[in-house]
């Protein structure tokens, strides 16, 4: 038969083991929370980049369309002076729209 002291030592040992497991679980939870926060940050960055890519693609498409439509202005009157556009008058507009179509901001 074990003495009370021996039983106490056994229980203290088991209690220490349980506390160790609880501490380890707490640390695992902390690591998990940290990883979840990092994943959420990366998800937000991906969403932002996806939006930027879509927006840039739309700008390029619009710029290309505007560039292609410049040729349709030949023979039509200028919005400011009323003089009909000649093919040679459209070179500056083509150059500007080509820049925009290629994504240049200047």
Protein backbone atom coordinates (compact mmCIF):
# COMPACT_ATOMS: atom_id res chain seq x y z
CA UNK A 1 0.00 0.00 0.00
CA UNK A 2 1.31 3.41 -0.99
CA UNK A 3 1.76 6.13 1.51
CA UNK A 4 -0.04 9.42 1.21
CA UNK A 5 3.30 11.05 0.36
CA UNK A 6 3.86 8.62 -2.51
CA UNK A 7 0.33 9.24 -3.83
CA UNK A 8 0.89 12.99 -3.58
CA UNK A 9 4.14 12.70 -5.57
CA UNK A 10 2.37 10.68 -8.26
CA UNK A 11 -0.49 13.17 -8.48
CA UNK A 12 1.94 16.11 -8.58
CA UNK A 13 3.82 14.40 -11.40
CA UNK A 14 0.60 13.77 -13.36
CA UNK A 15 -0.53 17.34 -12.71
CA UNK A 16 2.79 18.65 -14.06
CA UNK A 17 2.36 16.52 -17.21
CA UNK A 18 -1.18 17.82 -17.73
CA UNK A 19 -0.02 21.42 -17.26
CA UNK A 20 2.76 20.80 -19.80
CA UNK A 21 0.21 19.59 -22.34
CA UNK A 22 -2.05 22.57 -21.63
CA UNK A 23 0.89 24.95 -22.10
CA UNK A 24 1.86 23.23 -25.35
CA UNK A 25 -1.72 23.51 -26.58
CA UNK A 26 -1.76 27.21 -25.70
CA UNK A 27 1.45 27.74 -27.67
CA UNK A 28 -0.02 25.84 -30.61
CA UNK A 29 -3.08 28.10 -30.48
CA UNK A 30 -0.83 31.17 -30.49
CA UNK A 31 1.06 29.83 -33.51
CA UNK A 32 -2.23 29.02 -35.22
CA UNK A 33 -3.58 32.56 -34.58
CA UNK A 34 -0.35 34.05 -35.93
CA UNK A 35 -0.51 31.90 -39.06
CA UNK A 36 -4.19 32.74 -39.59
CA UNK A 37 -3.37 36.46 -39.36
CA UNK A 38 -0.57 36.03 -41.92
CA UNK A 39 -2.86 34.10 -44.27
CA UNK A 40 -5.53 36.82 -43.95
CA UNK A 41 -2.93 39.48 -44.80
CA UNK A 42 -1.79 37.53 -47.86
CA UNK A 43 -5.42 37.00 -48.94
CA UNK A 44 -6.01 40.77 -48.76
CA UNK A 45 -2.85 41.42 -50.77
CA UNK A 46 -3.92 38.90 -53.41
CA UNK A 47 -7.37 40.49 -53.64
CA UNK A 48 -5.80 43.93 -54.01
CA UNK A 49 -3.42 42.73 -56.73
CA UNK A 50 -6.28 40.99 -58.52
CA UNK A 51 -8.25 44.26 -58.51
CA UNK A 52 -5.20 46.16 -59.79
CA UNK A 53 -4.70 43.64 -62.59
CA UNK A 54 -8.35 43.79 -63.66
CA UNK A 55 -8.35 47.60 -63.53
CA UNK A 56 -5.12 47.78 -65.56
CA UNK A 57 -6.52 45.37 -68.12
CA UNK A 58 -9.66 47.47 -68.48
CA UNK A 59 -7.56 50.63 -68.91
CA UNK A 60 -5.46 48.99 -71.59
CA UNK A 61 -8.56 47.76 -73.44
CA UNK A 62 -10.13 51.23 -73.27
CA UNK A 63 -6.88 52.82 -74.45
CA UNK A 64 -6.58 50.41 -77.38
CA UNK A 65 -10.19 51.07 -78.35
CA UNK A 66 -9.63 54.83 -78.16
CA UNK A 67 -6.48 54.45 -80.28
CA UNK A 68 -8.36 52.45 -82.90
CA UNK A 69 -11.21 54.99 -82.96
CA UNK A 70 -8.87 57.91 -83.76
CA UNK A 71 -8.98 56.97 -87.44
CA UNK A 72 -12.75 57.41 -87.43
CA UNK A 73 -12.29 61.12 -86.66
CA UNK A 74 -10.87 61.88 -90.12
CA UNK A 75 -13.33 64.09 -91.99
CA UNK A 76 -15.34 64.93 -88.87
CA UNK A 77 -15.40 68.49 -87.51
CA UNK A 78 -13.17 69.53 -84.60
CA UNK A 79 -15.13 70.01 -81.39
CA UNK A 80 -13.45 73.37 -80.73
CA UNK A 81 -13.06 75.09 -84.11
CA UNK A 82 -15.30 73.07 -86.43
CA UNK A 83 -12.54 72.45 -89.03
CA UNK A 84 -12.76 68.91 -90.41
CA UNK A 85 -9.98 66.63 -89.19
CA UNK A 86 -7.47 65.58 -91.81
CA UNK A 87 -5.61 62.28 -91.43
CA UNK A 88 -2.37 64.20 -90.67
CA UNK A 89 -4.10 66.15 -87.87
CA UNK A 90 -4.64 62.94 -85.92
CA UNK A 91 -0.98 61.97 -85.37
CA UNK A 92 -0.75 63.69 -81.96
CA UNK A 93 -4.00 62.06 -80.86
CA UNK A 94 -2.71 58.68 -82.04
CA UNK A 95 0.58 59.14 -80.18
CA UNK A 96 -1.22 60.07 -76.96
CA UNK A 97 -3.72 57.25 -77.20
CA UNK A 98 -0.98 54.77 -78.06
CA UNK A 99 0.81 55.79 -74.85
CA UNK A 100 -2.38 55.26 -72.86
CA UNK A 101 -3.05 51.94 -74.61
CA UNK A 102 0.36 50.68 -73.51
CA UNK A 103 -0.30 51.63 -69.91
CA UNK A 104 1.96 54.67 -69.78
CA UNK A 105 0.84 57.27 -67.28
CA UNK A 106 2.67 60.18 -68.91
